[in-house]
Every structure is written in C-alpha cells, then in structure tokens.
Amino acid sequence: MSKKKIEDIPVQTTVQLKEETVNELRQIRASQQAMQVDIGGLEAQKHLLLHRLHSLGEQLEAILKALEEEHGKGSINLDKGELTLDAEENGNS
C-alpha cells in the first residue's frame, strides 16, 4: 500500500462567477420558488373544490333517494322538470 503524497490530494478551488451569471441563476431560482408556492396554492384550491364536489354529490343522492321513496324509481328530465316513473320497477306494467 503506497502512501499518498501531498501532490496527489485534490485541492478544492473556487471560481468567481460573473455577476451577470449569478443574477441569472438567482432569477431562475426565484421563479422556481414562486411557481412552487403557486402550485401549493392550486393544490389547496383543488382539495377544497374536490371536497365541495363530493358534498354536492351527497346532496344530489339524498334528493334522488327521497324522490324515489316518495314516487318510486324513475328518470328525471331537468329541462322539463319531470320524473318519468319506470313502469316495470313500480308495478305499473
């Protein structure tokens, strides 16, 4: 096993970057950070909207269930505001 000589050990060196390059890198990093914040905000909005959508779905199901219990099974035409009962399902065949 050979001993390393001082000349064989790598020496860390630094290079002074141009101010223009440093500023460009800073701008890019700032843009990245701003976008990450925006994405976080959008994710929070998405979560809230998904929660609201689920809640609306539950409301819709409750109304449809109540209509079915009151009138029987059928299909709803929202344009006409009508519930057409299923003849076979409701014993009207």
Protein backbone atom coordinates (compact mmCIF):
# COMPACT_ATOMS: atom_id res chain seq x y z
CA MET A 1 0.00 0.00 0.00
CA SER A 2 1.52 3.28 -1.06
CA LYS A 3 1.21 6.48 0.86
CA LYS A 4 -0.38 9.41 -0.87
CA LYS A 5 1.80 12.35 -1.49
CA ILE A 6 0.54 15.84 -0.83
CA GLU A 7 0.65 16.49 -4.57
CA ASP A 8 -1.84 13.62 -5.15
CA ILE A 9 -4.56 15.02 -2.89
CA PRO A 10 -7.06 17.11 -4.87
CA VAL A 11 -7.34 20.68 -3.75
CA GLN A 12 -10.73 22.36 -3.86
CA THR A 13 -10.64 25.54 -5.83
CA THR A 14 -13.20 28.23 -6.29
CA VAL A 15 -14.01 30.22 -9.37
CA GLN A 16 -15.57 33.64 -9.16
CA LEU A 17 -18.68 33.72 -11.34
CA LYS A 18 -19.66 36.73 -13.39
CA GLU A 19 -22.28 38.90 -11.68
CA GLU A 20 -24.47 38.53 -14.78
CA THR A 21 -24.43 34.73 -14.42
CA VAL A 22 -25.14 34.88 -10.68
CA ASN A 23 -28.07 37.25 -11.26
CA GLU A 24 -29.47 34.97 -13.95
CA LEU A 25 -29.24 31.97 -11.62
CA ARG A 26 -30.91 33.94 -8.82
CA GLN A 27 -33.77 34.96 -11.12
CA ILE A 28 -34.31 31.38 -12.25
CA ARG A 29 -34.30 30.12 -8.65
CA ALA A 30 -36.72 32.85 -7.57
CA SER A 31 -39.05 31.92 -10.43
CA GLN A 32 -38.90 28.27 -9.40
CA GLN A 33 -39.74 29.14 -5.81
CA ALA A 34 -42.65 31.36 -6.85
CA MET A 35 -44.02 28.58 -9.04
CA GLN A 36 -43.77 26.11 -6.16
CA VAL A 37 -45.80 28.48 -3.99
CA ASP A 38 -48.38 28.86 -6.79
CA ILE A 39 -48.62 25.09 -7.20
CA GLY A 40 -49.17 24.72 -3.47
CA GLY A 41 -52.00 27.24 -3.64
CA LEU A 42 -53.55 25.44 -6.60
CA GLU A 43 -53.35 22.13 -4.77
CA ALA A 44 -55.15 23.67 -1.79
CA GLN A 45 -57.86 25.02 -4.13
CA LYS A 46 -58.12 21.63 -5.79
CA HIS A 47 -58.58 19.94 -2.42
CA LEU A 48 -61.31 22.40 -1.44
CA LEU A 49 -63.10 22.01 -4.78
CA LEU A 50 -62.96 18.21 -4.56
CA HIS A 51 -64.45 18.40 -1.07
CA ARG A 52 -67.26 20.66 -2.32
CA LEU A 53 -67.88 18.39 -5.31
CA HIS A 54 -68.20 15.39 -3.00
CA SER A 55 -70.62 17.32 -0.79
CA LEU A 56 -72.78 18.25 -3.79
CA GLY A 57 -72.81 14.62 -4.87
CA GLU A 58 -74.08 13.62 -1.43
CA GLN A 59 -76.81 16.28 -1.61
CA LEU A 60 -77.86 15.02 -5.05
CA GLU A 61 -78.01 11.43 -3.83
CA ALA A 62 -80.14 12.42 -0.83
CA ILE A 63 -82.67 14.24 -3.03
CA LEU A 64 -82.82 11.37 -5.54
CA LYS A 65 -83.33 8.87 -2.71
CA ALA A 66 -86.15 10.98 -1.24
CA LEU A 67 -87.83 11.25 -4.65
CA GLU A 68 -87.56 7.50 -5.15
CA GLU A 69 -89.05 6.81 -1.72
CA GLU A 70 -91.93 9.21 -2.39
CA HIS A 71 -92.70 8.37 -6.04
CA GLY A 72 -90.79 5.19 -6.95
CA LYS A 73 -87.93 4.58 -9.35
CA GLY A 74 -87.73 6.64 -12.48
CA SER A 75 -85.70 9.06 -14.52
CA ILE A 76 -85.57 12.81 -14.15
CA ASN A 77 -85.69 15.30 -17.00
CA LEU A 78 -84.35 18.55 -15.56
CA ASP A 79 -85.23 20.50 -18.71
CA LYS A 80 -88.92 19.65 -18.32
CA GLY A 81 -88.89 19.29 -14.53
CA GLU A 82 -90.43 15.83 -14.82
CA LEU A 83 -89.92 12.46 -13.17
CA THR A 84 -90.87 9.61 -15.50
CA LEU A 85 -91.62 6.54 -13.43
CA ASP A 86 -90.30 3.15 -14.52
CA ALA A 87 -93.38 1.05 -15.20
CA GLU A 88 -91.66 -2.28 -14.54
CA GLU A 89 -89.94 -1.13 -11.35
CA ASN A 90 -93.11 0.35 -9.88
CA GLY A 91 -95.54 -2.46 -10.79
CA ASN A 92 -97.39 -0.48 -13.49
CA SER A 93 -96.79 -2.82 -16.43
